[in-house]
Every structure is written in structure tokens, then in C-alpha cells.
């Protein structure tokens, strides 16, 4: 169980997707370039089966930013998008 104190340790910020592209040789991964206002980050997200890259540009989404970077298919991912599973499809959270 996650406690309130655990939740307070999460650094969640709203970012704007400035570019999205499919990761070669995968069906699920997209490489996202995110503008967090004071910095830009690259994230890899397994949402390509639900979203096309062109429909993500300009979309604002919550990002978990205080994770150790992890490499996927040679791309260093610097955070995690927040999404939920609805009927087996990743659905991005709306910051509104």
C-alpha cells in the first residue's frame, strides 16, 4: 500500500509533447520529446498501439520526473508518462 508520505515523494509535472515518433523495430514504443517549461526531456512510452505520433504533438500530459533514467532500444528515457488502462488500451491522463 502506498502511504500519503510515499505519494509526497513523487515529482509529477505537466509537460507538453513537442515531438513524437515510433521507435524502430517495435510495435508499442514511441519516443516523446517533452517540454517541461524549464527543461526538455526524452521519454519512451509503450502507447503506439493506442496513439499515432501525429495526434500527440501539443498534448499536455502529467509526467513522473524523479525516476532514474532507463534505456529502451538504445534511447534513454528520463521519466514516465501517467496513463490508465481502459479496456486494454493506454489512455493518457488529462491534466484538466
C-alpha atoms as a PDB file:
ATOM      1  CA  UNK A   1       0.000   0.000   0.000  1.00  0.00           C
ATOM      2  CA  UNK A   2       1.235   3.494  -0.830  1.00  0.00           C
ATOM      3  CA  UNK A   3       1.033   5.934   2.039  1.00  0.00           C
ATOM      4  CA  UNK A   4       0.469   9.680   1.844  1.00  0.00           C
ATOM      5  CA  UNK A   5       4.151  10.191   2.718  1.00  0.00           C
ATOM      6  CA  UNK A   6       5.140   7.894  -0.177  1.00  0.00           C
ATOM      7  CA  UNK A   7       2.919   9.855  -2.573  1.00  0.00           C
ATOM      8  CA  UNK A   8       4.511  13.149  -1.490  1.00  0.00           C
ATOM      9  CA  UNK A   9       7.874  11.876  -2.758  1.00  0.00           C
ATOM     10  CA  UNK A  10       6.572  11.741  -6.344  1.00  0.00           C
ATOM     11  CA  UNK A  11       7.565  14.662  -8.557  1.00  0.00           C
ATOM     12  CA  UNK A  12       4.736  14.940 -11.061  1.00  0.00           C
ATOM     13  CA  UNK A  13       4.832  17.817 -13.544  1.00  0.00           C
ATOM     14  CA  UNK A  14       2.780  18.761 -16.584  1.00  0.00           C
ATOM     15  CA  UNK A  15       4.703  18.572 -19.840  1.00  0.00           C
ATOM     16  CA  UNK A  16       3.857  19.375 -23.451  1.00  0.00           C
ATOM     17  CA  UNK A  17       4.714  16.846 -26.144  1.00  0.00           C
ATOM     18  CA  UNK A  18       6.733  18.718 -28.765  1.00  0.00           C
ATOM     19  CA  UNK A  19       7.572  15.689 -30.900  1.00  0.00           C
ATOM     20  CA  UNK A  20       6.591  12.024 -31.066  1.00  0.00           C
ATOM     21  CA  UNK A  21       7.979   9.276 -33.267  1.00  0.00           C
ATOM     22  CA  UNK A  22       7.813   5.497 -33.474  1.00  0.00           C
ATOM     23  CA  UNK A  23      10.791   3.619 -32.099  1.00  0.00           C
ATOM     24  CA  UNK A  24      12.177   1.463 -34.937  1.00  0.00           C
ATOM     25  CA  UNK A  25      11.725  -2.299 -34.721  1.00  0.00           C
ATOM     26  CA  UNK A  26       8.939  -2.094 -32.112  1.00  0.00           C
ATOM     27  CA  UNK A  27       5.150  -2.098 -32.300  1.00  0.00           C
ATOM     28  CA  UNK A  28       4.461  -0.500 -28.932  1.00  0.00           C
ATOM     29  CA  UNK A  29       7.082   2.166 -28.239  1.00  0.00           C
ATOM     30  CA  UNK A  30       7.024   5.870 -29.030  1.00  0.00           C
ATOM     31  CA  UNK A  31       9.867   8.299 -28.384  1.00  0.00           C
ATOM     32  CA  UNK A  32       8.438  11.514 -26.938  1.00  0.00           C
ATOM     33  CA  UNK A  33      10.195  14.867 -26.666  1.00  0.00           C
ATOM     34  CA  UNK A  34       8.631  16.692 -23.724  1.00  0.00           C
ATOM     35  CA  UNK A  35       8.836  20.383 -22.791  1.00  0.00           C
ATOM     36  CA  UNK A  36       8.539  20.804 -19.014  1.00  0.00           C
ATOM     37  CA  UNK A  37       8.910  24.587 -19.145  1.00  0.00           C
ATOM     38  CA  UNK A  38      12.343  24.830 -17.539  1.00  0.00           C
ATOM     39  CA  UNK A  39      13.781  21.774 -19.331  1.00  0.00           C
ATOM     40  CA  UNK A  40      13.214  19.321 -22.150  1.00  0.00           C
ATOM     41  CA  UNK A  41      13.257  15.544 -21.708  1.00  0.00           C
ATOM     42  CA  UNK A  42      13.022  12.426 -23.804  1.00  0.00           C
ATOM     43  CA  UNK A  43      10.656   9.662 -22.712  1.00  0.00           C
ATOM     44  CA  UNK A  44       9.902   6.271 -24.177  1.00  0.00           C
ATOM     45  CA  UNK A  45       6.300   5.158 -23.757  1.00  0.00           C
ATOM     46  CA  UNK A  46       4.503   1.968 -24.732  1.00  0.00           C
ATOM     47  CA  UNK A  47       1.493   3.730 -26.243  1.00  0.00           C
ATOM     48  CA  UNK A  48       1.989   3.260 -30.002  1.00  0.00           C
ATOM     49  CA  UNK A  49      -0.852   0.751 -30.222  1.00  0.00           C
ATOM     50  CA  UNK A  50      -3.263   3.423 -28.948  1.00  0.00           C
ATOM     51  CA  UNK A  51      -1.845   6.728 -30.211  1.00  0.00           C
ATOM     52  CA  UNK A  52      -0.335   7.830 -33.523  1.00  0.00           C
ATOM     53  CA  UNK A  53       2.658  10.182 -33.205  1.00  0.00           C
ATOM     54  CA  UNK A  54       0.948  12.986 -35.108  1.00  0.00           C
ATOM     55  CA  UNK A  55      -2.023  13.112 -32.712  1.00  0.00           C
ATOM     56  CA  UNK A  56       0.239  13.645 -29.672  1.00  0.00           C
ATOM     57  CA  UNK A  57       2.044  16.836 -30.717  1.00  0.00           C
ATOM     58  CA  UNK A  58       0.990  19.737 -28.475  1.00  0.00           C
ATOM     59  CA  UNK A  59      -0.835  17.490 -25.991  1.00  0.00           C
ATOM     60  CA  UNK A  60      -0.216  18.258 -22.321  1.00  0.00           C
ATOM     61  CA  UNK A  61       0.262  15.268 -20.034  1.00  0.00           C
ATOM     62  CA  UNK A  62       1.407  14.564 -16.468  1.00  0.00           C
ATOM     63  CA  UNK A  63       4.963  13.228 -16.210  1.00  0.00           C
ATOM     64  CA  UNK A  64       6.611  11.473 -13.275  1.00  0.00           C
ATOM     65  CA  UNK A  65      10.041  13.114 -13.338  1.00  0.00           C
ATOM     66  CA  UNK A  66      12.026  11.815 -10.362  1.00  0.00           C
ATOM     67  CA  UNK A  67      12.847   8.343 -11.658  1.00  0.00           C
ATOM     68  CA  UNK A  68      16.277   7.021 -12.545  1.00  0.00           C
ATOM     69  CA  UNK A  69      16.719   7.134 -16.348  1.00  0.00           C
ATOM     70  CA  UNK A  70      16.152   3.805 -18.089  1.00  0.00           C
ATOM     71  CA  UNK A  71      17.232   2.794 -21.592  1.00  0.00           C
ATOM     72  CA  UNK A  72      14.804   1.253 -24.077  1.00  0.00           C
ATOM     73  CA  UNK A  73      16.044   0.203 -27.537  1.00  0.00           C
ATOM     74  CA  UNK A  74      19.084   2.461 -27.098  1.00  0.00           C
ATOM     75  CA  UNK A  75      17.029   5.523 -26.072  1.00  0.00           C
ATOM     76  CA  UNK A  76      17.467   6.960 -22.570  1.00  0.00           C
ATOM     77  CA  UNK A  77      14.032   7.613 -21.066  1.00  0.00           C
ATOM     78  CA  UNK A  78      14.000  10.372 -18.443  1.00  0.00           C
ATOM     79  CA  UNK A  79      10.694   9.863 -16.664  1.00  0.00           C
ATOM     80  CA  UNK A  80       7.326   8.210 -17.151  1.00  0.00           C
ATOM     81  CA  UNK A  81       4.029   9.364 -18.557  1.00  0.00           C
ATOM     82  CA  UNK A  82       0.961   8.835 -16.385  1.00  0.00           C
ATOM     83  CA  UNK A  83      -1.765   6.823 -18.104  1.00  0.00           C
ATOM     84  CA  UNK A  84      -4.507   4.403 -17.182  1.00  0.00           C
ATOM     85  CA  UNK A  85      -5.647   1.174 -18.760  1.00  0.00           C
ATOM     86  CA  UNK A  86      -9.159   1.319 -20.191  1.00  0.00           C
ATOM     87  CA  UNK A  87     -10.277  -1.936 -21.782  1.00  0.00           C
ATOM     88  CA  UNK A  88      -6.686  -2.915 -22.572  1.00  0.00           C
ATOM     89  CA  UNK A  89      -5.693   0.444 -24.097  1.00  0.00           C
ATOM     90  CA  UNK A  90      -3.372   3.024 -22.572  1.00  0.00           C
ATOM     91  CA  UNK A  91      -5.254   6.259 -22.020  1.00  0.00           C
ATOM     92  CA  UNK A  92      -3.258   9.388 -21.227  1.00  0.00           C
ATOM     93  CA  UNK A  93      -4.367  11.358 -18.197  1.00  0.00           C
ATOM     94  CA  UNK A  94      -5.718  14.822 -18.914  1.00  0.00           C
ATOM     95  CA  UNK A  95      -4.175  17.467 -16.614  1.00  0.00           C
ATOM     96  CA  UNK A  96      -7.501  19.339 -16.551  1.00  0.00           C
END
